[in-house]
Amino acid sequence: MKSVQEKAWSFPGHPEKEIERNEFTVAKGEDVIGRLAVIRLEKGDTLPDIARHFGLGINAISTANPGVDIWVPEAGESIMLPLSFILPDAPRKGIVVNLATMRLFQYKEDDKSLVVSTYPVGVGTKERPTPRGQMRVARKATRPTWHVPASIAEDHRKKGDPLPAEVPPGPQNPLGEYALYLSKSGYLIHGTNKPASIGLKATNGCMRLYPENVKKLYNDTPVNTPVVIVNQPYLIGQRDGVLYMEAHTPLEGSGTVEQEKVYAKLRNIEDKSARTLDWKKVKEVQTEARGIPVPIFEIRQGSEKEVPKPIKVEHPDKLYGKPEIPELRLDAWYVLAADVREEIDALRIAAIINHQGPQIPARVLSRNKGYRVIAGPFNDISEAKDAAKRLKIDLDIDGILIEPVQKG
């Protein structure tokens, strides 16, 4: 049975080569930006790679495409790129972060129009949530040093992974290359060495962006820029005389309150228009929580403008940021990460390992009636041991060291 979103899908025949993904002009009095798109997957694609290339978080692309394997999707399958967004109900000034959608919006106004740049973010976990409220950018830093908080140091000690008091700039630094320090002490907007975590509740309260996104945000954001952090899982907005609703799974404990807020808004719209909303459709959108703006009401009766349909996008020759796997080397060390019977299981494990941050290269090799997942190459036993330790701590994989076939 098709969802309420899928019932309206219709695609033009000629694929587009590119589509807007991060920067949009906001029309006066309107709240919906962007355009939904569809892309056909190719062999070797993963949803995190597609998400990063098109400026989406893993949460957005996976909820928009329920049932699609995140790590080993089927080649030839068409998936939705949810590149249309309803702006948060907040002042359109400076930076606004919506925790429920895991998306950041940066507003810039010129003489003629309002422009918004928008990027996916990783946010805090349930145990260490990202704070809400008003703050500002207190200072900025390139190649920041990470001063490890005591609570995080203790967590790592318990895992057998002790951290130094400070982590200098470089591939092991979780802050990446750029950091914006907020006026609320201890909280930052920063880059990351774990790009596959963007769009997940995976931080200790900070907000992390893809490296390419945080660089642009850093350059475009002056010190003292206001920052507002909200939690709005249910968004209402209009474009071209049509009212849209976008629904996301609420953060724990906030569902009832947020539902009451959006229902009050909708009843107010209903009263002002003196027409009845399709409440069954509203409930369907809310229940499905696909994160896609769905038309629910024609504000101006008889509007001749059609609701924009998703467009086809050509698959790029190369996905930006996709992990690359070095060639096999007989003189290198490797780690046997898995020995399984089914190829799809091996491919999934290899994809997950490849998307660790910093990357641990991994590949699948067929062997007799099964498949092996091999991580590497590593230049020496020390590198191989470090990788095996990370596999154990991060993924609970007991790796086995494989010596070089020929040394030196």
Protein backbone atom coordinates (compact mmCIF):
# COMPACT_ATOMS: atom_id res chain seq x y z
CA MET A 1 0.00 0.00 0.00
CA LYS A 2 1.44 3.36 -1.03
CA SER A 3 2.02 6.09 1.52
CA VAL A 4 0.32 9.47 1.30
CA GLN A 5 3.55 10.91 -0.12
CA GLU A 6 3.96 8.27 -2.82
CA LYS A 7 0.41 8.64 -4.14
CA ALA A 8 1.37 11.96 -5.73
CA TRP A 9 4.72 10.93 -7.22
CA SER A 10 5.15 11.63 -10.91
CA PHE A 11 8.49 12.10 -12.59
CA PRO A 12 9.50 14.05 -15.69
CA GLY A 13 11.16 11.85 -18.27
CA HIS A 14 14.48 13.69 -18.65
CA PRO A 15 16.85 13.44 -15.68
CA GLU A 16 18.44 16.58 -14.26
CA LYS A 17 22.23 16.60 -13.89
CA GLU A 18 22.22 18.74 -10.75
CA ILE A 19 19.77 19.94 -8.13
CA GLU A 20 19.89 22.64 -5.47
CA ARG A 21 20.83 21.12 -2.14
CA ASN A 22 22.25 23.69 0.29
CA GLU A 23 21.33 27.23 -0.72
CA PHE A 24 17.86 28.57 -1.51
CA THR A 25 16.10 31.88 -1.97
CA VAL A 26 13.12 32.29 0.36
CA ALA A 27 10.12 33.87 -1.37
CA LYS A 28 8.34 36.53 0.68
CA GLY A 29 5.57 35.08 2.85
CA GLU A 30 6.52 31.49 2.05
CA ASP A 31 7.97 28.72 4.22
CA VAL A 32 8.81 25.82 1.90
CA ILE A 33 12.12 25.61 0.04
CA GLY A 34 13.74 23.10 -2.29
CA ARG A 35 12.48 20.31 -4.49
CA LEU A 36 12.08 16.58 -3.95
CA ALA A 37 14.15 14.41 -6.28
CA VAL A 38 14.64 10.76 -7.20
CA ILE A 39 17.85 8.95 -8.12
CA ARG A 40 18.49 5.42 -9.36
CA LEU A 41 21.11 3.58 -7.32
CA GLU A 42 24.13 1.89 -8.84
CA LYS A 43 26.15 -1.11 -7.67
CA GLY A 44 28.29 -0.29 -4.66
CA ASP A 45 26.20 2.68 -3.51
CA THR A 46 25.39 3.13 0.16
CA LEU A 47 22.76 5.50 1.53
CA PRO A 48 25.38 7.43 3.58
CA ASP A 49 27.33 8.13 0.38
CA ILE A 50 24.22 9.30 -1.50
CA ALA A 51 23.19 11.37 1.52
CA ARG A 52 26.53 13.16 1.79
CA HIS A 53 26.77 13.91 -1.93
CA PHE A 54 23.36 15.59 -1.89
CA GLY A 55 23.74 17.42 1.44
CA LEU A 56 21.45 15.15 3.45
CA GLY A 57 21.82 13.37 6.77
CA ILE A 58 21.45 9.61 7.09
CA ASN A 59 18.27 10.17 9.14
CA ALA A 60 16.62 12.09 6.30
CA ILE A 61 17.44 9.66 3.50
CA SER A 62 16.61 6.52 5.49
CA THR A 63 13.24 7.76 6.83
CA ALA A 64 12.28 9.02 3.36
CA ASN A 65 13.00 5.52 1.98
CA PRO A 66 11.72 2.98 4.53
CA GLY A 67 12.72 -0.60 3.87
CA VAL A 68 15.81 0.30 1.81
CA ASP A 69 19.00 -1.32 3.10
CA ILE A 70 21.25 1.48 4.37
CA TRP A 71 24.53 -0.29 3.61
CA VAL A 72 23.70 -2.64 0.72
CA PRO A 73 20.77 -1.16 -1.21
CA GLU A 74 19.72 -2.91 -4.39
CA ALA A 75 21.31 -1.62 -7.59
CA GLY A 76 18.69 -0.13 -9.92
CA GLU A 77 16.38 0.85 -7.06
CA SER A 78 14.97 4.38 -7.21
CA ILE A 79 15.11 6.33 -3.96
CA MET A 80 13.73 9.67 -2.84
CA LEU A 81 16.10 12.55 -2.11
CA PRO A 82 14.20 14.68 0.46
CA LEU A 83 15.65 18.00 -0.69
CA SER A 84 12.57 20.05 0.17
CA PHE A 85 12.25 21.56 3.64
CA ILE A 86 9.76 23.56 5.69
CA LEU A 87 11.59 26.30 7.55
CA PRO A 88 11.43 26.14 11.36
CA ASP A 89 8.99 28.42 13.17
CA ALA A 90 11.68 30.78 14.48
CA PRO A 91 13.11 34.21 13.62
CA ARG A 92 14.79 34.13 10.21
CA LYS A 93 18.02 35.59 11.39
CA GLY A 94 21.46 34.10 12.01
CA ILE A 95 21.51 30.34 12.63
CA VAL A 96 18.51 28.19 13.54
CA VAL A 97 18.95 24.49 14.34
CA ASN A 98 15.95 22.14 14.47
CA LEU A 99 16.94 19.14 16.60
CA ALA A 100 13.92 17.09 15.54
CA THR A 101 14.90 17.29 11.85
CA MET A 102 18.65 17.37 12.57
CA ARG A 103 19.10 20.30 10.23
CA LEU A 104 20.74 23.73 10.48
CA PHE A 105 19.44 26.84 8.68
CA GLN A 106 21.60 29.94 8.20
CA TYR A 107 19.83 33.10 7.06
CA LYS A 108 21.48 35.87 5.04
CA GLU A 109 19.62 38.94 3.80
CA ASP A 110 20.61 41.22 0.97
CA ASP A 111 18.85 44.21 -0.59
CA LYS A 112 16.51 42.10 -2.66
CA SER A 113 15.89 38.75 -1.00
CA LEU A 114 16.37 36.39 1.92
CA VAL A 115 18.74 33.48 1.28
CA VAL A 116 18.97 30.41 3.49
CA SER A 117 21.82 27.92 3.53
CA THR A 118 20.85 24.60 5.10
CA TYR A 119 22.96 21.67 6.23
CA PRO A 120 22.33 18.33 7.99
CA VAL A 121 23.80 17.97 11.48
CA GLY A 122 24.61 15.28 14.00
CA VAL A 123 23.18 16.10 17.43
CA GLY A 124 23.43 14.96 21.02
CA THR A 125 22.41 11.57 22.33
CA LYS A 126 19.51 10.94 24.72
CA GLU A 127 22.02 10.80 27.58
CA ARG A 128 23.83 13.99 26.49
CA PRO A 129 21.30 16.02 24.52
CA THR A 130 21.98 19.22 22.63
CA PRO A 131 20.63 22.18 24.65
CA ARG A 132 17.79 24.29 23.28
CA GLY A 133 17.30 28.04 23.44
CA GLN A 134 18.95 31.27 22.35
CA MET A 135 22.70 31.73 22.24
CA ARG A 136 25.32 33.21 19.92
CA VAL A 137 28.64 32.42 18.25
CA ALA A 138 31.16 33.52 20.90
CA ARG A 139 34.33 32.73 18.94
CA LYS A 140 35.66 30.71 16.00
CA ALA A 141 38.75 28.57 15.44
CA THR A 142 40.39 26.74 12.55
CA ARG A 143 42.16 23.44 13.26
CA PRO A 144 40.91 23.47 16.87
CA THR A 145 42.45 21.46 19.68
CA TRP A 146 39.94 19.22 21.45
CA HIS A 147 40.12 19.58 25.22
CA VAL A 148 38.60 16.29 26.34
CA PRO A 149 35.79 16.74 28.91
CA ALA A 150 36.13 14.61 32.05
CA SER A 151 32.85 12.75 31.39
CA ILE A 152 33.95 11.70 27.90
CA ALA A 153 37.41 10.72 29.14
CA GLU A 154 35.74 8.49 31.74
CA ASP A 155 33.53 6.83 29.10
CA HIS A 156 36.59 5.99 27.02
CA ARG A 157 38.50 4.67 30.03
CA LYS A 158 35.65 2.26 30.72
CA LYS A 159 35.92 1.00 27.12
CA GLY A 160 39.67 0.47 27.48
CA ASP A 161 40.34 3.39 25.16
CA PRO A 162 42.05 6.07 27.28
CA LEU A 163 42.24 9.55 25.74
CA PRO A 164 44.86 12.25 26.27
CA ALA A 165 43.80 15.46 28.00
CA GLU A 166 44.07 17.24 24.65
CA VAL A 167 43.74 15.99 21.06
CA PRO A 168 45.68 18.17 18.59
CA PRO A 169 44.48 19.00 15.07
CA GLY A 170 44.58 16.06 12.67
CA PRO A 171 42.61 13.01 11.54
CA GLN A 172 42.00 11.78 15.11
CA ASN A 173 40.44 15.08 16.22
CA PRO A 174 36.62 14.76 16.35
CA LEU A 175 36.15 18.54 15.94
CA GLY A 176 37.44 18.46 12.38
CA GLU A 177 39.02 21.54 10.78
CA TYR A 178 36.57 24.26 11.84
CA ALA A 179 34.72 25.06 15.06
CA LEU A 180 32.23 27.73 16.13
CA TYR A 181 32.13 28.01 19.93
CA LEU A 182 28.72 28.97 21.33
CA SER A 183 28.02 31.32 24.22
CA LYS A 184 26.65 28.34 26.15
CA SER A 185 29.89 26.99 27.55
CA GLY A 186 31.05 23.61 26.31
CA TYR A 187 28.88 23.51 23.18
CA LEU A 188 30.12 23.93 19.61
CA ILE A 189 29.10 23.71 15.99
CA HIS A 190 32.02 21.92 14.35
CA GLY A 191 33.27 19.57 11.66
CA THR A 192 33.91 15.88 12.15
CA ASN A 193 36.18 12.95 11.32
CA LYS A 194 33.08 10.70 11.28
CA PRO A 195 30.99 11.95 8.33
CA ALA A 196 28.71 8.88 8.40
CA SER A 197 27.37 10.12 11.76
CA ILE A 198 25.75 13.22 10.27
CA GLY A 199 22.01 12.94 10.76
CA LEU A 200 22.34 10.75 13.86
CA LYS A 201 22.03 11.32 17.61
CA ALA A 202 25.71 10.60 18.08
CA THR A 203 27.40 13.55 19.78
CA ASN A 204 27.99 14.61 23.36
CA GLY A 205 25.72 17.62 22.88
CA CYS A 206 27.58 19.52 20.16
CA MET A 207 26.36 19.84 16.56
CA ARG A 208 28.62 18.36 13.88
CA LEU A 209 28.53 18.96 10.13
CA TYR A 210 30.12 17.38 7.08
CA PRO A 211 33.64 18.82 6.56
CA GLU A 212 32.65 20.56 3.31
CA ASN A 213 29.55 22.13 4.95
CA VAL A 214 31.23 23.39 8.12
CA LYS A 215 33.92 25.12 6.06
CA LYS A 216 31.31 27.19 4.23
CA LEU A 217 29.33 27.87 7.41
CA TYR A 218 32.51 28.97 9.18
CA ASN A 219 33.41 31.41 6.42
CA ASP A 220 29.85 32.81 6.25
CA THR A 221 29.29 33.27 10.00
CA PRO A 222 30.63 36.30 11.89
CA VAL A 223 31.29 36.18 15.63
CA ASN A 224 28.18 37.21 17.64
CA THR A 225 25.81 35.68 15.09
CA PRO A 226 22.65 34.67 16.97
CA VAL A 227 21.96 30.93 17.27
CA VAL A 228 18.54 29.52 18.14
CA ILE A 229 18.09 25.79 18.80
CA VAL A 230 14.53 24.43 18.64
CA ASN A 231 12.72 21.09 18.70
CA GLN A 232 9.98 21.07 16.05
CA PRO A 233 9.10 17.60 14.71
CA TYR A 234 5.87 18.84 13.08
CA LEU A 235 6.27 21.73 10.63
CA ILE A 236 3.57 23.69 8.83
CA GLY A 237 4.28 26.04 5.93
CA GLN A 238 2.93 27.36 2.67
CA ARG A 239 4.16 27.81 -0.88
CA ASP A 240 2.21 28.99 -3.93
CA GLY A 241 -1.09 29.03 -2.06
CA VAL A 242 -0.77 25.44 -0.79
CA LEU A 243 -0.34 24.43 2.86
CA TYR A 244 2.25 21.72 3.55
CA MET A 245 2.99 19.56 6.58
CA GLU A 246 6.32 17.87 7.32
CA ALA A 247 6.52 15.29 10.11
CA HIS A 248 9.48 13.69 11.87
CA THR A 249 9.67 11.26 14.76
CA PRO A 250 9.58 13.46 17.90
CA LEU A 251 12.42 13.46 20.39
CA GLU A 252 11.64 11.30 23.40
CA GLY A 253 9.08 12.83 25.72
CA SER A 254 8.09 15.68 23.38
CA GLY A 255 5.54 14.02 21.08
CA THR A 256 2.30 14.94 22.86
CA VAL A 257 3.26 18.58 23.48
CA GLU A 258 4.47 19.10 19.90
CA GLN A 259 1.34 17.44 18.47
CA GLU A 260 -0.88 19.78 20.48
CA LYS A 261 1.08 22.78 19.18
CA VAL A 262 0.72 21.83 15.52
CA TYR A 263 -2.96 20.87 15.88
CA ALA A 264 -3.64 24.31 17.42
CA LYS A 265 -1.95 25.95 14.40
CA LEU A 266 -3.99 23.84 11.99
CA ARG A 267 -7.30 24.59 13.75
CA ASN A 268 -6.45 28.30 13.57
CA ILE A 269 -5.84 28.00 9.80
CA GLU A 270 -9.12 26.09 9.46
CA ASP A 271 -11.03 28.80 11.34
CA LYS A 272 -9.50 31.64 9.30
CA SER A 273 -10.24 29.93 5.97
CA ALA A 274 -13.77 28.84 7.02
CA ARG A 275 -13.05 25.49 5.35
CA THR A 276 -12.45 22.03 6.76
CA LEU A 277 -8.98 20.49 6.73
CA ASP A 278 -8.48 16.87 5.71
CA TRP A 279 -7.65 15.65 9.23
CA LYS A 280 -7.30 12.06 8.04
CA LYS A 281 -4.47 13.16 5.74
CA VAL A 282 -2.89 15.19 8.55
CA LYS A 283 -2.89 12.08 10.75
CA GLU A 284 -1.38 9.94 7.95
CA VAL A 285 1.48 12.41 7.44
CA GLN A 286 2.11 12.54 11.17
CA THR A 287 2.04 8.74 11.55
CA GLU A 288 4.32 8.06 8.58
CA ALA A 289 6.84 10.73 9.73
CA ARG A 290 8.79 10.55 6.45
CA GLY A 291 10.31 14.02 6.82
CA ILE A 292 8.90 15.12 3.45
CA PRO A 293 6.67 18.21 3.00
CA VAL A 294 3.22 16.97 1.95
CA PRO A 295 0.40 19.22 0.61
CA ILE A 296 -2.57 19.03 2.98
CA PHE A 297 -4.70 22.08 2.14
CA GLU A 298 -5.30 24.56 -0.68
CA ILE A 299 -5.20 27.96 1.00
CA ARG A 300 -6.47 29.78 -2.07
CA GLN A 301 -9.33 27.86 -3.68
CA GLY A 302 -8.99 27.40 -7.40
CA SER A 303 -5.23 27.95 -7.40
CA GLU A 304 -3.92 27.08 -10.85
CA LYS A 305 -0.38 26.32 -9.73
CA GLU A 306 0.37 22.62 -9.44
CA VAL A 307 2.28 21.15 -6.53
CA PRO A 308 5.87 20.53 -7.78
CA LYS A 309 6.54 16.86 -8.47
CA PRO A 310 9.83 15.11 -7.65
CA ILE A 311 12.38 15.29 -10.45
CA LYS A 312 14.79 12.62 -11.62
CA VAL A 313 18.46 13.32 -10.98
CA GLU A 314 21.31 11.70 -12.89
CA HIS A 315 23.66 9.55 -10.87
CA PRO A 316 26.99 11.41 -10.58
CA ASP A 317 30.11 9.79 -12.01
CA LYS A 318 31.63 9.95 -8.54
CA LEU A 319 29.93 10.46 -5.19
CA TYR A 320 31.59 13.20 -3.16
CA GLY A 321 33.30 11.85 -0.04
CA LYS A 322 32.73 8.18 -0.86
CA PRO A 323 35.46 6.14 0.90
CA GLU A 324 38.15 4.84 -1.44
CA ILE A 325 39.76 1.44 -0.92
CA PRO A 326 43.49 1.12 -1.67
CA GLU A 327 44.70 -1.75 -3.86
CA LEU A 328 45.72 -5.03 -2.25
CA ARG A 329 49.40 -5.23 -1.34
CA LEU A 330 51.32 -8.40 -0.60
CA ASP A 331 53.80 -6.51 1.60
CA ALA A 332 51.12 -5.00 3.87
CA TRP A 333 49.43 -6.04 7.11
CA TYR A 334 45.69 -6.75 7.20
CA VAL A 335 43.00 -7.57 9.74
CA LEU A 336 40.48 -10.36 9.18
CA ALA A 337 37.25 -8.72 10.35
CA ALA A 338 34.67 -11.36 9.39
CA ASP A 339 34.29 -14.77 7.75
CA VAL A 340 30.67 -15.30 6.67
CA ARG A 341 28.65 -17.49 4.32
CA GLU A 342 26.43 -14.89 2.61
CA GLU A 343 27.91 -12.24 0.33
CA ILE A 344 25.38 -9.58 1.35
CA ASP A 345 26.42 -9.96 5.00
CA ALA A 346 30.06 -9.51 4.05
CA LEU A 347 29.28 -6.46 1.91
CA ARG A 348 27.33 -4.89 4.77
CA ILE A 349 30.14 -5.43 7.29
CA ALA A 350 32.73 -4.04 4.86
CA ALA A 351 30.58 -0.95 4.18
CA ILE A 352 30.14 -0.25 7.89
CA ILE A 353 33.88 -0.58 8.51
CA ASN A 354 34.70 1.68 5.53
CA HIS A 355 32.48 4.38 7.01
CA GLN A 356 34.18 4.46 10.39
CA GLY A 357 35.93 7.71 11.11
CA PRO A 358 38.78 8.02 10.38
CA GLN A 359 38.24 5.43 7.66
CA ILE A 360 39.43 1.86 8.06
CA PRO A 361 39.61 0.48 4.48
CA ALA A 362 37.81 -2.85 4.06
CA ARG A 363 36.96 -5.15 1.17
CA VAL A 364 35.22 -8.47 0.53
CA LEU A 365 37.13 -11.49 -0.78
CA SER A 366 35.44 -14.74 -1.80
CA ARG A 367 36.86 -17.90 -0.24
CA ASN A 368 35.63 -21.46 -0.84
CA LYS A 369 31.90 -21.34 0.00
CA GLY A 370 32.04 -18.10 1.95
CA TYR A 371 33.27 -14.55 2.04
CA ARG A 372 35.91 -12.79 4.09
CA VAL A 373 35.99 -9.15 5.11
CA ILE A 374 39.59 -7.89 5.17
CA ALA A 375 40.53 -4.51 6.65
CA GLY A 376 43.68 -2.83 5.37
CA PRO A 377 46.28 -2.41 3.96
CA PHE A 378 48.39 -1.26 6.92
CA ASN A 379 52.07 -0.38 6.70
CA ASP A 380 53.16 -2.20 9.85
CA ILE A 381 51.97 -4.31 12.76
CA SER A 382 51.38 -1.22 14.91
CA GLU A 383 48.85 0.24 12.43
CA ALA A 384 47.14 -3.14 12.11
CA LYS A 385 46.86 -3.48 15.89
CA ASP A 386 45.42 0.03 16.18
CA ALA A 387 42.80 -0.82 13.55
CA ALA A 388 41.94 -4.09 15.30
CA LYS A 389 41.51 -2.19 18.57
CA ARG A 390 39.17 0.32 16.94
CA LEU A 391 37.13 -2.48 15.36
CA LYS A 392 36.68 -4.02 18.79
CA ILE A 393 35.83 -0.77 20.61
CA ASP A 394 33.60 0.76 17.93
CA LEU A 395 31.97 -2.30 16.36
CA ASP A 396 32.64 -5.17 18.78
CA ILE A 397 34.53 -7.03 16.02
CA ASP A 398 37.30 -9.40 17.12
CA GLY A 399 39.80 -8.95 14.31
CA ILE A 400 42.67 -11.33 13.54
CA LEU A 401 46.00 -9.93 12.30
CA ILE A 402 47.23 -11.16 8.90
CA GLU A 403 50.97 -10.87 8.30
CA PRO A 404 52.44 -9.73 4.97
CA VAL A 405 52.99 -12.46 2.38
CA GLN A 406 56.39 -10.98 1.60
CA LYS A 407 58.16 -8.59 3.95
CA GLY A 408 60.13 -5.52 3.02
